[in-house]
Protein backbone atom coordinates (compact mmCIF):
# COMPACT_ATOMS: atom_id res chain seq x y z
CA UNK A 1 22.40 157.38 119.74
CA UNK A 2 23.88 156.51 116.63
CA UNK A 3 22.80 152.72 115.21
CA UNK A 4 26.03 150.84 115.23
CA UNK A 5 26.57 152.64 119.13
CA UNK A 6 22.92 150.82 119.78
CA UNK A 7 23.96 147.71 118.49
CA UNK A 8 26.93 147.51 121.28
CA UNK A 9 24.85 148.29 123.39
CA UNK A 10 22.66 145.44 123.12
CA UNK A 11 22.50 142.92 126.20
CA UNK A 12 24.98 139.19 125.18
CA UNK A 13 21.79 137.61 126.70
CA UNK A 14 19.07 135.34 124.55
CA UNK A 15 15.95 137.31 122.98
CA UNK A 16 14.27 138.54 120.05
CA UNK A 17 15.69 141.80 118.02
CA UNK A 18 13.41 143.50 116.10
CA UNK A 19 14.64 145.88 112.90
CA UNK A 20 12.80 149.14 112.19
CA UNK A 21 11.97 151.74 109.25
CA UNK A 22 11.80 155.65 110.26
CA UNK A 23 7.95 154.98 110.28
CA UNK A 24 8.23 152.81 113.21
CA UNK A 25 7.21 149.55 111.13
CA UNK A 26 8.85 146.26 111.79
CA UNK A 27 11.02 145.18 108.74
CA UNK A 28 12.64 141.70 110.27
CA UNK A 29 12.48 139.93 113.26
CA UNK A 30 14.92 137.65 114.52
CA UNK A 31 15.88 135.24 117.57
CA UNK A 32 19.61 134.95 118.81
CA UNK A 33 21.79 132.91 121.86
CA UNK A 34 23.59 136.39 122.41
CA UNK A 35 21.47 139.08 121.19
CA UNK A 36 24.83 141.57 120.34
CA UNK A 37 26.68 138.90 118.74
CA UNK A 38 24.13 138.24 116.42
CA UNK A 39 22.85 141.72 115.32
CA UNK A 40 27.03 142.88 114.91
CA UNK A 41 27.18 140.43 112.34
CA UNK A 42 24.37 142.48 110.05
CA UNK A 43 27.08 145.15 110.63
CA UNK A 44 30.18 143.90 110.20
CA UNK A 45 31.49 141.56 106.94
CA UNK A 46 30.53 141.43 103.57
CA UNK A 47 26.85 141.84 102.46
CA UNK A 48 25.29 141.27 99.07
CA UNK A 49 23.47 143.82 97.43
CA UNK A 50 19.73 142.76 99.06
CA UNK A 51 20.80 142.73 102.47
CA UNK A 52 22.55 146.16 102.23
CA UNK A 53 19.19 147.30 101.07
CA UNK A 54 17.13 146.05 103.87
CA UNK A 55 19.88 147.56 106.77
CA UNK A 56 19.56 150.68 104.62
CA UNK A 57 16.29 151.11 105.99
CA UNK A 58 16.72 150.08 109.62
CA UNK A 59 16.74 152.83 111.57
CA UNK A 60 15.57 151.92 115.18
CA UNK A 61 16.65 148.28 116.83
CA UNK A 62 14.20 146.95 119.61
CA UNK A 63 14.78 143.91 121.41
CA UNK A 64 13.30 141.98 124.23
CA UNK A 65 15.24 139.77 127.03
CA UNK A 66 14.36 136.51 127.37
CA UNK A 67 15.22 133.28 129.85
CA UNK A 68 16.45 130.85 126.96
CA UNK A 69 16.72 130.31 123.24
CA UNK A 70 13.83 128.25 123.83
CA UNK A 71 12.07 131.25 124.68
CA UNK A 72 12.91 133.36 122.14
CA UNK A 73 12.17 130.74 119.86
CA UNK A 74 8.53 130.76 120.88
CA UNK A 75 8.44 134.74 121.00
CA UNK A 76 10.01 135.18 117.72
CA UNK A 77 7.13 132.97 116.17
CA UNK A 78 4.29 135.21 117.69
CA UNK A 79 5.90 138.71 117.17
CA UNK A 80 6.41 137.05 113.46
CA UNK A 81 2.48 136.39 113.37
CA UNK A 82 1.39 138.79 114.83
CA UNK A 83 3.10 141.65 112.50
CA UNK A 84 4.21 139.65 109.35
CA UNK A 85 7.47 141.77 108.76
CA UNK A 86 8.30 142.48 104.94
CA UNK A 87 11.41 140.43 105.00
CA UNK A 88 10.57 137.78 107.39
CA UNK A 89 9.67 134.43 105.38
CA UNK A 90 5.69 133.24 104.42
CA UNK A 91 5.39 129.79 104.93
CA UNK A 92 2.49 128.47 103.08
CA UNK A 93 -0.36 127.97 105.43
CA UNK A 94 -0.37 123.93 106.49
CA UNK A 95 -4.41 124.26 105.92
CA UNK A 96 -3.29 122.32 102.86
CA UNK A 97 -1.43 119.85 103.81
CA UNK A 98 -3.72 117.65 106.21
CA UNK A 99 -2.57 114.96 109.37
CA UNK A 100 -3.81 112.10 111.05
CA UNK A 101 -4.62 112.98 114.61
CA UNK A 102 -4.46 110.55 117.39
CA UNK A 103 -5.02 111.15 121.22
CA UNK A 104 -3.94 108.81 123.66
CA UNK A 105 -5.75 110.42 126.33
CA UNK A 106 -9.47 109.73 125.39
CA UNK A 107 -10.23 106.45 126.85
CA UNK A 108 -10.83 104.67 122.92
CA UNK A 109 -8.54 106.52 120.84
CA UNK A 110 -9.68 107.11 117.08
CA UNK A 111 -8.03 108.28 113.83
CA UNK A 112 -9.24 111.61 112.67
CA UNK A 113 -7.74 113.73 110.02
CA UNK A 114 -6.79 118.10 110.77
CA UNK A 115 -5.65 120.25 108.85
CA UNK A 116 -4.14 122.07 111.91
CA UNK A 117 -2.33 120.41 114.26
CA UNK A 118 -3.00 122.19 118.27
CA UNK A 119 -1.03 122.33 121.00
CA UNK A 120 -3.53 119.25 123.22
CA UNK A 121 -1.11 116.23 123.88
CA UNK A 122 -3.05 114.58 121.07
CA UNK A 123 0.15 113.04 118.27
CA UNK A 124 0.10 114.14 114.71
CA UNK A 125 1.19 112.18 111.97
CA UNK A 126 2.07 114.04 108.57
CA UNK A 127 1.99 116.10 106.79
CA UNK A 128 0.01 114.08 103.96
CA UNK A 129 1.66 115.31 100.63
CA UNK A 130 -2.04 115.32 99.32
CA UNK A 131 -5.40 114.51 100.58
CA UNK A 132 -5.40 111.45 98.19
CA UNK A 133 -2.66 109.88 99.82
CA UNK A 134 -3.96 110.00 103.40
CA UNK A 135 -7.34 108.87 102.64
CA UNK A 136 -5.34 105.81 100.66
CA UNK A 137 -3.61 105.22 104.04
CA UNK A 138 -6.57 106.01 106.39
CA UNK A 139 -8.20 103.57 104.48
CA UNK A 140 -5.64 100.49 104.80
CA UNK A 141 -5.12 101.20 108.34
CA UNK A 142 -9.22 101.45 109.70
CA UNK A 143 -9.12 98.02 107.81
CA UNK A 144 -6.12 96.63 109.52
CA UNK A 145 -6.68 98.13 113.20
CA UNK A 146 -10.29 98.09 113.96
CA UNK A 147 -9.88 101.24 116.49
CA UNK A 148 -13.58 103.15 116.52
CA UNK A 149 -14.83 105.42 114.12
CA UNK A 150 -17.47 107.32 115.52
CA UNK A 151 -17.03 111.25 116.74
CA UNK A 152 -16.88 111.98 120.52
CA UNK A 153 -20.55 112.71 120.29
CA UNK A 154 -21.27 109.93 118.69
CA UNK A 155 -19.65 107.21 120.96
CA UNK A 156 -21.60 108.58 123.84
CA UNK A 157 -24.77 108.32 122.82
CA UNK A 158 -24.77 105.15 120.64
CA UNK A 159 -27.13 101.93 121.85
CA UNK A 160 -25.90 99.75 119.33
CA UNK A 161 -23.09 99.26 117.32
CA UNK A 162 -22.65 100.76 113.82
CA UNK A 163 -21.65 98.89 110.60
CA UNK A 164 -18.16 99.00 111.53
CA UNK A 165 -18.59 96.68 114.23
CA UNK A 166 -20.61 94.18 111.45
CA UNK A 167 -17.80 94.17 109.26
CA UNK A 168 -15.09 94.14 111.76
CA UNK A 169 -13.31 96.73 111.86
CA UNK A 170 -14.16 98.25 114.89
CA UNK A 171 -14.08 96.46 118.09
CA UNK A 172 -17.25 98.49 119.51
CA UNK A 173 -16.28 99.79 122.43
CA UNK A 174 -19.10 102.43 122.62
CA UNK A 175 -21.73 98.84 123.69
CA UNK A 176 -19.47 96.39 124.38
CA UNK A 177 -17.29 95.43 127.33
CA UNK A 178 -13.51 95.79 125.33
CA UNK A 179 -10.73 95.11 126.77
CA UNK A 180 -8.97 97.92 127.48
CA UNK A 181 -5.29 96.62 127.49
CA UNK A 182 -5.99 95.02 123.78
CA UNK A 183 -7.31 98.42 122.18
CA UNK A 184 -4.38 99.88 123.92
CA UNK A 185 -2.15 97.18 122.10
CA UNK A 186 -4.18 98.21 118.66
CA UNK A 187 -3.56 101.96 119.48
CA UNK A 188 0.21 101.65 120.11
CA UNK A 189 0.29 99.25 117.07
CA UNK A 190 -1.19 102.48 115.12
CA UNK A 191 1.48 104.84 116.61
CA UNK A 192 4.26 102.79 115.60
CA UNK A 193 3.60 102.26 112.07
CA UNK A 194 2.68 106.19 111.38
CA UNK A 195 5.89 106.72 112.97
CA UNK A 196 7.97 104.48 110.62
CA UNK A 197 8.04 100.93 112.06
CA UNK A 198 6.17 99.27 109.94
CA UNK A 199 8.07 96.41 109.38
CA UNK A 200 8.12 95.63 113.06
CA UNK A 201 4.60 96.17 113.61
CA UNK A 202 4.08 93.65 110.50
CA UNK A 203 6.59 90.84 111.95
CA UNK A 204 5.06 91.17 115.58
CA UNK A 205 1.23 90.40 113.82
CA UNK A 206 3.08 87.16 111.51
CA UNK A 207 4.57 85.61 115.14
CA UNK A 208 1.05 86.45 116.33
CA UNK A 209 -0.64 84.51 113.00
CA UNK A 210 1.69 81.51 113.66
CA UNK A 211 1.26 80.91 116.66
CA UNK A 212 -2.88 81.49 116.66
CA UNK A 213 -2.94 78.67 113.27
CA UNK A 214 -0.33 76.09 115.89
CA UNK A 215 -3.15 76.50 118.77
CA UNK A 216 -5.56 75.63 115.64
CA UNK A 217 -7.70 78.99 116.33
CA UNK A 218 -7.45 79.33 112.24
CA UNK A 219 -9.93 81.93 112.02
CA UNK A 220 -8.17 84.54 114.28
CA UNK A 221 -5.06 83.29 112.03
CA UNK A 222 -6.79 84.04 108.87
CA UNK A 223 -7.80 87.71 110.21
CA UNK A 224 -3.90 88.36 111.33
CA UNK A 225 -3.00 87.07 107.87
CA UNK A 226 -5.30 89.57 105.98
CA UNK A 227 -4.17 91.99 108.05
CA UNK A 228 -0.38 91.60 107.51
CA UNK A 229 -1.41 91.24 103.55
CA UNK A 230 -2.87 94.87 103.49
CA UNK A 231 0.36 96.71 105.86
CA UNK A 232 2.84 94.57 103.30
CA UNK A 233 1.27 96.53 100.36
CA UNK A 234 1.58 100.02 102.11
CA UNK A 235 5.39 99.26 102.89
CA UNK A 236 5.53 97.92 99.44
CA UNK A 237 5.00 102.01 97.95
CA UNK A 238 7.72 103.22 100.26
CA UNK A 239 11.13 103.27 98.64
CA UNK A 240 13.81 102.87 101.22
CA UNK A 241 16.04 105.39 100.56
CA UNK A 242 18.23 105.37 104.01
CA UNK A 243 19.57 101.96 105.43
CA UNK A 244 20.38 103.56 108.66
CA UNK A 245 16.41 103.47 109.56
CA UNK A 246 16.61 106.58 111.34
CA UNK A 247 13.48 109.79 111.26
CA UNK A 248 15.22 112.37 109.43
CA UNK A 249 13.48 115.25 107.64
CA UNK A 250 15.91 115.94 104.27
CA UNK A 251 15.80 119.44 103.14
CA UNK A 252 17.18 121.63 99.92
CA UNK A 253 17.56 125.51 99.56
CA UNK A 254 17.29 127.37 96.22
CA UNK A 255 17.94 130.73 95.69
CA UNK A 256 16.49 131.77 92.06
CA UNK A 257 16.06 135.31 91.31
CA UNK A 258 13.16 137.14 93.61
CA UNK A 259 12.47 133.31 94.99
CA UNK A 260 13.54 131.41 97.76
CA UNK A 261 12.32 127.87 97.36
CA UNK A 262 12.84 124.88 100.07
CA UNK A 263 11.91 121.12 99.24
CA UNK A 264 11.62 118.50 102.28
CA UNK A 265 11.63 114.85 102.17
CA UNK A 266 10.06 113.21 105.45
CA UNK A 267 12.05 110.32 106.07
CA UNK A 268 10.60 107.80 108.62
CA UNK A 269 11.97 104.18 109.09
CA UNK A 270 14.66 104.80 106.36
CA UNK A 271 11.60 105.18 103.97
CA UNK A 272 10.30 107.84 101.82
CA UNK A 273 6.92 108.80 103.25
CA UNK A 274 6.37 112.34 101.83
CA UNK A 275 7.91 115.64 100.18
CA UNK A 276 7.25 119.00 100.33
CA UNK A 277 7.74 121.59 98.52
CA UNK A 278 7.78 126.08 100.37
CA UNK A 279 8.21 128.95 98.05
CA UNK A 280 8.95 132.92 99.55
CA UNK A 281 9.56 135.69 98.18
CA UNK A 282 13.56 136.12 98.79
CA UNK A 283 14.20 139.18 101.04
CA UNK A 284 17.60 139.59 100.55
CA UNK A 285 18.92 138.51 103.77
CA UNK A 286 21.72 135.98 104.07
CA UNK A 287 21.66 132.14 103.11
CA UNK A 288 22.24 131.18 107.17
CA UNK A 289 19.36 133.92 108.33
CA UNK A 290 17.06 132.22 105.89
CA UNK A 291 17.93 128.87 106.71
CA UNK A 292 17.63 129.58 109.91
CA UNK A 293 14.00 131.38 110.11
CA UNK A 294 12.37 128.54 108.07
CA UNK A 295 13.27 125.75 110.45
CA UNK A 296 12.33 127.98 113.27
CA UNK A 297 8.86 128.49 111.67
CA UNK A 298 8.69 125.01 109.74
CA UNK A 299 9.17 123.55 113.45
CA UNK A 300 7.67 125.76 116.05
CA UNK A 301 4.33 125.25 117.38
CA UNK A 302 3.03 121.47 117.84
CA UNK A 303 5.45 120.14 115.09
CA UNK A 304 7.42 117.26 116.31
CA UNK A 305 11.02 117.15 115.18
CA UNK A 306 12.47 114.20 114.45
CA UNK A 307 15.66 112.25 115.02
CA UNK A 308 17.86 114.39 112.21
CA UNK A 309 17.09 117.18 110.29
C-alpha cells in the first residue's frame, strides 16, 4: 500500500502516530485528536524545505489508537522518552532547575528541595531559575513559618527538639504536643505564598498582629510583625507584570537558523517569579507542530499547569 493510501486508511480517532524510515527507525512521534486528519495535514498544502526533507525519509506510518486525547498525550510522552526520535524536540533536563516540595499527606509536612517532581501526590513549586534564588526563598520561609526541618527518619527518632526549635524556627512536633490545626494553618499559608497569594497571606498576618497587640499580647504581636517584614522584603523583589492577578505562563518562540528557542516566564498572582530558556535543534517541523510538542513535553507528567498559558 502506498504511503498516502495508508494515511487515508488511518482512523479518525485519538491516538499516537509514528513516522519511520526505510530501516524501521522512528523519525518522529506525535499525538492527535483525529489521527487521519492530523497526519493528512503533513502531506497536503505548502511545506517548508525542512519539513519536506523529513517527509522524504518517511516510508512507514504506524499508529496506536487511544480512548481520548489525555491518553494520547501520556503515551506520546512515554514513547518519546523511550525511543528519542531525531525529529522530536529534546528539552533540557529539569534536574538543573530545583523545586520546592511540600507533601500535605504527612502528619507534619515540611519543605524540601528536589530536582525532579514525582507523581506522589505532593505539591511542587518552581522550578526556580537558580539554586541561589531558591536558597533565598527557602531561607525566608524557614524563618517566617516554623515548619519542621528534619528528615522523616530524624523526626521519628528524636528524643529532644533540635536547635531550630530553640531559635523559634520550628514548633518541635518531634517531641512536643503541637496543635495539628495550627500546624496545618502554617502549611496552608506556605502553600498559598508559593502559589502567588503572598499579598493576601501578609494581610492576614497583619490582621492577626493588630489583634494580638489590642489584646496586649505584645510578644506574639512582635513575632508576627517580624514575619510580615520578612515576607514584605520577598514580595518587593517580585516585579508586578500583570494587574489581573492571574497565574500564567508566558511563552516566546524563536527560530534562528538551525536552532529553536523558547523562553518561558512564570507569573503567579500577577508577579514575575522566574524565567527559563530552552534551546534545541530545529528539526524543520511547522511552528504549530513544534509549539504543540513543546507544550506537551513541558507540561507532561506532574508539572502543574497554570490558569493561563
